[in-house]
Amino acid sequence: MSNLPRERSVNGEDTSSGILSPIVSDLFTLHASAPMLTALTLERSANGEDTSGSVLSVGEYDPRFTNVSATPSSSSRWTLVMSSMSVNGKDYTLTSDVEASTDGSTMQVRA
């Protein structure tokens, strides 16, 4: 691998150290007039077993949820509980550092 050519610059940024800025940061830098907003919508099918689609929006809301920007903020933090995660048919084991979470689930609290 060490003999493979290495990109030294991305958008003028030296990458020889192997440290790149996060892609979302790059998107907001390239589109400075866009609102600094990311939104993630995860969906399940009616049977609750299958995924039916998800949306990751950068700089705008999913059109189905445009009114969310008018919702008053009730907390400076959010909590996300996941009971399972599967990517392309591969299941991943979940763990959590939050004591309130149950075995086999993960809970994240962010301020």
N, C-alpha and C. Protein backbone atom coordinates (compact mmCIF):
# COMPACT_ATOMS: atom_id res chain seq x y z
N MET A 1 0.81 -1.18 0.00
CA MET A 1 0.00 0.00 0.00
C MET A 1 0.86 1.26 0.00
N SER A 2 2.01 1.23 0.62
CA SER A 2 2.81 2.44 0.72
C SER A 2 3.30 2.94 -0.63
N ASN A 3 3.32 2.07 -1.65
CA ASN A 3 3.78 2.52 -2.96
C ASN A 3 2.65 3.09 -3.82
N LEU A 4 1.43 3.13 -3.30
CA LEU A 4 0.33 3.72 -4.05
C LEU A 4 0.46 5.24 -4.05
N PRO A 5 0.13 5.89 -5.17
CA PRO A 5 0.19 7.35 -5.19
C PRO A 5 -0.78 7.92 -4.18
N ARG A 6 -0.38 9.00 -3.55
CA ARG A 6 -1.20 9.60 -2.51
C ARG A 6 -1.60 11.01 -2.89
N GLU A 7 -2.86 11.32 -2.76
CA GLU A 7 -3.35 12.67 -3.01
C GLU A 7 -2.74 13.60 -1.98
N ARG A 8 -2.14 14.70 -2.43
CA ARG A 8 -1.48 15.63 -1.51
C ARG A 8 -2.33 16.85 -1.22
N SER A 9 -3.36 17.09 -2.04
CA SER A 9 -4.15 18.30 -1.84
C SER A 9 -5.59 18.05 -2.27
N VAL A 10 -6.54 18.45 -1.44
CA VAL A 10 -7.95 18.41 -1.76
C VAL A 10 -8.48 19.81 -1.53
N ASN A 11 -8.99 20.43 -2.59
CA ASN A 11 -9.46 21.82 -2.50
C ASN A 11 -8.42 22.73 -1.87
N GLY A 12 -7.16 22.52 -2.20
CA GLY A 12 -6.10 23.36 -1.69
C GLY A 12 -5.61 22.99 -0.31
N GLU A 13 -6.24 22.01 0.33
CA GLU A 13 -5.85 21.61 1.68
C GLU A 13 -4.83 20.48 1.60
N ASP A 14 -3.72 20.63 2.28
CA ASP A 14 -2.67 19.61 2.29
C ASP A 14 -3.18 18.37 3.03
N THR A 15 -3.18 17.24 2.35
CA THR A 15 -3.67 16.00 2.96
C THR A 15 -2.55 15.01 3.21
N SER A 16 -1.30 15.44 3.10
CA SER A 16 -0.19 14.51 3.24
C SER A 16 -0.13 13.90 4.64
N SER A 17 -0.71 14.57 5.64
CA SER A 17 -0.73 14.03 6.99
C SER A 17 -1.77 12.93 7.13
N GLY A 18 -2.66 12.80 6.15
CA GLY A 18 -3.72 11.81 6.22
C GLY A 18 -4.94 12.33 6.95
N ILE A 19 -4.90 13.58 7.42
CA ILE A 19 -6.02 14.16 8.15
C ILE A 19 -6.82 15.02 7.19
N LEU A 20 -8.06 14.67 7.00
CA LEU A 20 -8.95 15.44 6.14
C LEU A 20 -10.05 16.05 6.99
N SER A 21 -10.59 17.16 6.55
CA SER A 21 -11.72 17.74 7.27
C SER A 21 -12.96 16.91 6.97
N PRO A 22 -13.93 16.91 7.89
CA PRO A 22 -15.17 16.15 7.67
C PRO A 22 -15.90 16.63 6.42
N ILE A 23 -16.55 15.72 5.73
CA ILE A 23 -17.21 16.06 4.47
C ILE A 23 -18.29 17.11 4.66
N VAL A 24 -19.03 17.05 5.77
CA VAL A 24 -20.09 18.04 5.99
C VAL A 24 -19.48 19.44 6.12
N SER A 25 -18.35 19.53 6.80
CA SER A 25 -17.65 20.82 6.91
C SER A 25 -17.26 21.33 5.53
N ASP A 26 -16.76 20.44 4.69
CA ASP A 26 -16.40 20.82 3.32
C ASP A 26 -17.62 21.29 2.52
N LEU A 27 -18.75 20.60 2.70
CA LEU A 27 -19.97 21.00 1.98
C LEU A 27 -20.40 22.41 2.37
N PHE A 28 -20.36 22.72 3.67
CA PHE A 28 -20.75 24.05 4.12
C PHE A 28 -19.74 25.11 3.69
N THR A 29 -18.48 24.74 3.58
CA THR A 29 -17.47 25.68 3.10
C THR A 29 -17.69 25.99 1.63
N LEU A 30 -17.98 24.97 0.84
CA LEU A 30 -18.22 25.15 -0.60
C LEU A 30 -19.51 25.90 -0.88
N HIS A 31 -20.50 25.74 -0.01
CA HIS A 31 -21.82 26.37 -0.19
C HIS A 31 -22.11 27.24 1.02
N ALA A 32 -21.33 28.30 1.16
CA ALA A 32 -21.39 29.16 2.36
C ALA A 32 -22.75 29.80 2.57
N SER A 33 -23.54 29.99 1.52
CA SER A 33 -24.85 30.62 1.69
C SER A 33 -25.92 29.63 2.16
N ALA A 34 -25.63 28.33 2.13
CA ALA A 34 -26.60 27.33 2.58
C ALA A 34 -26.69 27.35 4.11
N PRO A 35 -27.90 27.13 4.66
CA PRO A 35 -28.03 27.07 6.11
C PRO A 35 -27.17 25.93 6.68
N MET A 36 -26.53 26.15 7.82
CA MET A 36 -25.72 25.11 8.46
C MET A 36 -26.65 24.14 9.18
N LEU A 37 -27.16 23.20 8.43
CA LEU A 37 -28.19 22.31 8.92
C LEU A 37 -28.03 20.94 8.28
N THR A 38 -28.10 19.91 9.09
CA THR A 38 -28.20 18.54 8.57
C THR A 38 -29.41 17.90 9.22
N ALA A 39 -30.13 17.10 8.46
CA ALA A 39 -31.32 16.43 8.97
C ALA A 39 -31.30 14.98 8.49
N LEU A 40 -31.68 14.07 9.36
CA LEU A 40 -31.70 12.65 9.05
C LEU A 40 -33.08 12.10 9.34
N THR A 41 -33.69 11.47 8.35
CA THR A 41 -34.99 10.83 8.50
C THR A 41 -34.80 9.34 8.27
N LEU A 42 -35.15 8.52 9.26
CA LEU A 42 -35.07 7.06 9.14
C LEU A 42 -36.49 6.52 9.10
N GLU A 43 -36.77 5.60 8.20
CA GLU A 43 -38.13 5.11 8.03
C GLU A 43 -38.20 3.59 8.05
N ARG A 44 -39.36 3.10 8.46
CA ARG A 44 -39.66 1.67 8.44
C ARG A 44 -40.90 1.45 7.59
N SER A 45 -41.05 0.25 7.07
CA SER A 45 -42.24 -0.10 6.32
C SER A 45 -43.40 -0.32 7.29
N ALA A 46 -44.60 -0.49 6.77
CA ALA A 46 -45.80 -0.66 7.59
C ALA A 46 -45.70 -1.87 8.52
N ASN A 47 -44.98 -2.93 8.10
CA ASN A 47 -44.87 -4.11 8.95
C ASN A 47 -43.84 -3.94 10.07
N GLY A 48 -43.11 -2.83 10.06
CA GLY A 48 -42.14 -2.55 11.12
C GLY A 48 -40.87 -3.37 11.03
N GLU A 49 -40.76 -4.22 10.05
CA GLU A 49 -39.60 -5.10 9.93
C GLU A 49 -38.60 -4.65 8.88
N ASP A 50 -39.08 -3.98 7.86
CA ASP A 50 -38.22 -3.61 6.75
C ASP A 50 -38.03 -2.09 6.70
N THR A 51 -36.90 -1.68 6.17
CA THR A 51 -36.71 -0.25 5.96
C THR A 51 -37.43 0.14 4.68
N SER A 52 -37.96 1.35 4.66
CA SER A 52 -38.66 1.78 3.46
C SER A 52 -38.01 3.01 2.84
N GLY A 53 -36.91 3.43 3.40
CA GLY A 53 -36.20 4.57 2.84
C GLY A 53 -35.73 5.50 3.94
N SER A 54 -34.71 6.24 3.66
CA SER A 54 -34.17 7.21 4.60
C SER A 54 -33.67 8.40 3.80
N VAL A 55 -33.59 9.54 4.46
CA VAL A 55 -33.16 10.76 3.79
C VAL A 55 -32.13 11.47 4.66
N LEU A 56 -31.00 11.81 4.08
CA LEU A 56 -30.01 12.67 4.72
C LEU A 56 -30.01 13.97 3.95
N SER A 57 -30.40 15.05 4.61
CA SER A 57 -30.47 16.35 3.96
C SER A 57 -29.37 17.24 4.51
N VAL A 58 -28.71 17.97 3.64
CA VAL A 58 -27.67 18.92 4.05
C VAL A 58 -28.10 20.29 3.55
N GLY A 59 -28.28 21.23 4.48
CA GLY A 59 -28.63 22.59 4.11
C GLY A 59 -30.11 22.82 3.87
N GLU A 60 -30.92 21.78 4.04
CA GLU A 60 -32.37 21.94 3.85
C GLU A 60 -33.10 20.81 4.57
N TYR A 61 -34.39 21.02 4.81
CA TYR A 61 -35.21 19.99 5.45
C TYR A 61 -35.83 19.09 4.39
N ASP A 62 -36.10 17.85 4.77
CA ASP A 62 -36.90 16.96 3.94
C ASP A 62 -38.23 17.70 3.72
N PRO A 63 -38.72 17.81 2.49
CA PRO A 63 -39.95 18.57 2.23
C PRO A 63 -41.15 18.15 3.09
N ARG A 64 -41.18 16.90 3.54
CA ARG A 64 -42.29 16.45 4.38
C ARG A 64 -42.23 17.03 5.79
N PHE A 65 -41.08 17.61 6.17
CA PHE A 65 -40.91 18.09 7.54
C PHE A 65 -40.47 19.56 7.59
N THR A 66 -40.89 20.35 6.62
CA THR A 66 -40.44 21.75 6.59
C THR A 66 -40.92 22.54 7.80
N ASN A 67 -42.03 22.16 8.42
CA ASN A 67 -42.53 22.90 9.59
C ASN A 67 -41.71 22.66 10.84
N VAL A 68 -40.79 21.72 10.82
CA VAL A 68 -40.00 21.44 12.01
C VAL A 68 -39.17 22.66 12.42
N SER A 69 -38.82 23.51 11.48
CA SER A 69 -38.03 24.70 11.82
C SER A 69 -38.82 25.68 12.68
N ALA A 70 -40.15 25.60 12.66
CA ALA A 70 -40.98 26.50 13.46
C ALA A 70 -41.30 25.92 14.84
N THR A 71 -40.88 24.70 15.11
CA THR A 71 -41.15 24.06 16.39
C THR A 71 -40.24 24.64 17.46
N PRO A 72 -40.83 25.07 18.60
CA PRO A 72 -39.98 25.63 19.66
C PRO A 72 -39.05 24.57 20.24
N SER A 73 -37.87 24.98 20.56
CA SER A 73 -36.90 24.08 21.17
C SER A 73 -37.25 23.90 22.64
N SER A 74 -37.35 22.65 23.08
CA SER A 74 -37.70 22.40 24.48
C SER A 74 -36.52 21.89 25.27
N SER A 75 -35.43 21.61 24.61
CA SER A 75 -34.27 21.07 25.30
C SER A 75 -33.01 21.42 24.51
N SER A 76 -31.91 21.50 25.21
CA SER A 76 -30.65 21.76 24.51
C SER A 76 -29.93 20.46 24.19
N ARG A 77 -30.60 19.34 24.37
CA ARG A 77 -29.98 18.05 24.05
C ARG A 77 -31.02 17.13 23.41
N TRP A 78 -30.53 16.05 22.83
CA TRP A 78 -31.42 15.07 22.25
C TRP A 78 -30.95 13.68 22.63
N THR A 79 -31.87 12.73 22.58
CA THR A 79 -31.58 11.34 22.93
C THR A 79 -32.00 10.45 21.76
N LEU A 80 -31.17 9.50 21.43
CA LEU A 80 -31.46 8.57 20.36
C LEU A 80 -31.29 7.16 20.90
N VAL A 81 -32.32 6.33 20.78
CA VAL A 81 -32.24 4.94 21.22
C VAL A 81 -32.35 4.05 19.99
N MET A 82 -31.41 3.12 19.84
CA MET A 82 -31.43 2.18 18.72
C MET A 82 -31.44 0.77 19.29
N SER A 83 -32.34 -0.06 18.80
CA SER A 83 -32.39 -1.44 19.26
C SER A 83 -31.58 -2.36 18.35
N SER A 84 -31.34 -1.95 17.12
CA SER A 84 -30.54 -2.76 16.21
C SER A 84 -30.04 -1.89 15.07
N MET A 85 -29.02 -2.41 14.39
CA MET A 85 -28.52 -1.72 13.21
C MET A 85 -28.03 -2.76 12.21
N SER A 86 -28.46 -2.59 10.98
CA SER A 86 -28.07 -3.48 9.90
C SER A 86 -27.73 -2.63 8.69
N VAL A 87 -26.56 -2.90 8.09
CA VAL A 87 -26.14 -2.17 6.90
C VAL A 87 -25.86 -3.20 5.81
N ASN A 88 -26.58 -3.09 4.71
CA ASN A 88 -26.44 -4.03 3.59
C ASN A 88 -26.53 -5.48 4.05
N GLY A 89 -27.47 -5.75 4.95
CA GLY A 89 -27.70 -7.11 5.41
C GLY A 89 -26.79 -7.59 6.52
N LYS A 90 -25.81 -6.78 6.92
CA LYS A 90 -24.90 -7.17 8.00
C LYS A 90 -25.36 -6.52 9.30
N ASP A 91 -25.62 -7.35 10.33
CA ASP A 91 -26.05 -6.86 11.63
C ASP A 91 -24.85 -6.43 12.46
N TYR A 92 -25.01 -5.35 13.22
CA TYR A 92 -23.95 -4.84 14.08
C TYR A 92 -24.39 -4.91 15.54
N THR A 93 -23.48 -5.31 16.43
CA THR A 93 -23.76 -5.36 17.86
C THR A 93 -23.69 -3.96 18.43
N LEU A 94 -24.68 -3.60 19.23
CA LEU A 94 -24.75 -2.27 19.80
C LEU A 94 -24.38 -2.29 21.28
N THR A 95 -23.66 -1.28 21.72
CA THR A 95 -23.34 -1.12 23.13
C THR A 95 -23.58 0.34 23.50
N SER A 96 -23.70 0.60 24.80
CA SER A 96 -23.95 1.96 25.25
C SER A 96 -23.25 2.23 26.57
N ASP A 97 -22.82 3.46 26.76
CA ASP A 97 -22.24 3.89 28.04
C ASP A 97 -23.30 4.50 28.95
N VAL A 98 -24.54 4.63 28.47
CA VAL A 98 -25.61 5.22 29.25
C VAL A 98 -26.27 4.13 30.08
N GLU A 99 -26.30 4.30 31.41
CA GLU A 99 -26.82 3.26 32.30
C GLU A 99 -28.29 2.94 32.06
N ALA A 100 -29.09 3.89 31.61
CA ALA A 100 -30.52 3.67 31.43
C ALA A 100 -30.85 2.78 30.23
N SER A 101 -29.89 2.53 29.36
CA SER A 101 -30.19 1.72 28.18
C SER A 101 -30.24 0.24 28.55
N THR A 102 -31.02 -0.51 27.77
CA THR A 102 -31.16 -1.94 28.01
C THR A 102 -30.12 -2.70 27.21
N ASP A 103 -29.90 -3.97 27.59
CA ASP A 103 -28.95 -4.80 26.85
C ASP A 103 -29.36 -4.90 25.39
N GLY A 104 -28.38 -4.82 24.52
CA GLY A 104 -28.64 -4.96 23.09
C GLY A 104 -29.10 -3.67 22.43
N SER A 105 -29.13 -2.59 23.17
CA SER A 105 -29.50 -1.31 22.57
C SER A 105 -28.44 -0.28 22.90
N THR A 106 -28.43 0.77 22.17
CA THR A 106 -27.51 1.86 22.45
C THR A 106 -28.29 3.15 22.61
N MET A 107 -27.82 4.00 23.48
CA MET A 107 -28.48 5.28 23.71
C MET A 107 -27.42 6.36 23.68
N GLN A 108 -27.65 7.38 22.90
CA GLN A 108 -26.72 8.50 22.82
C GLN A 108 -27.42 9.76 23.30
N VAL A 109 -26.78 10.52 24.14
CA VAL A 109 -27.31 11.80 24.60
C VAL A 109 -26.30 12.86 24.21
N ARG A 110 -26.74 13.87 23.50
CA ARG A 110 -25.84 14.93 23.05
C ARG A 110 -26.36 16.28 23.51
N ALA A 111 -25.46 17.11 23.96
CA ALA A 111 -25.84 18.47 24.38
C ALA A 111 -25.51 19.45 23.28
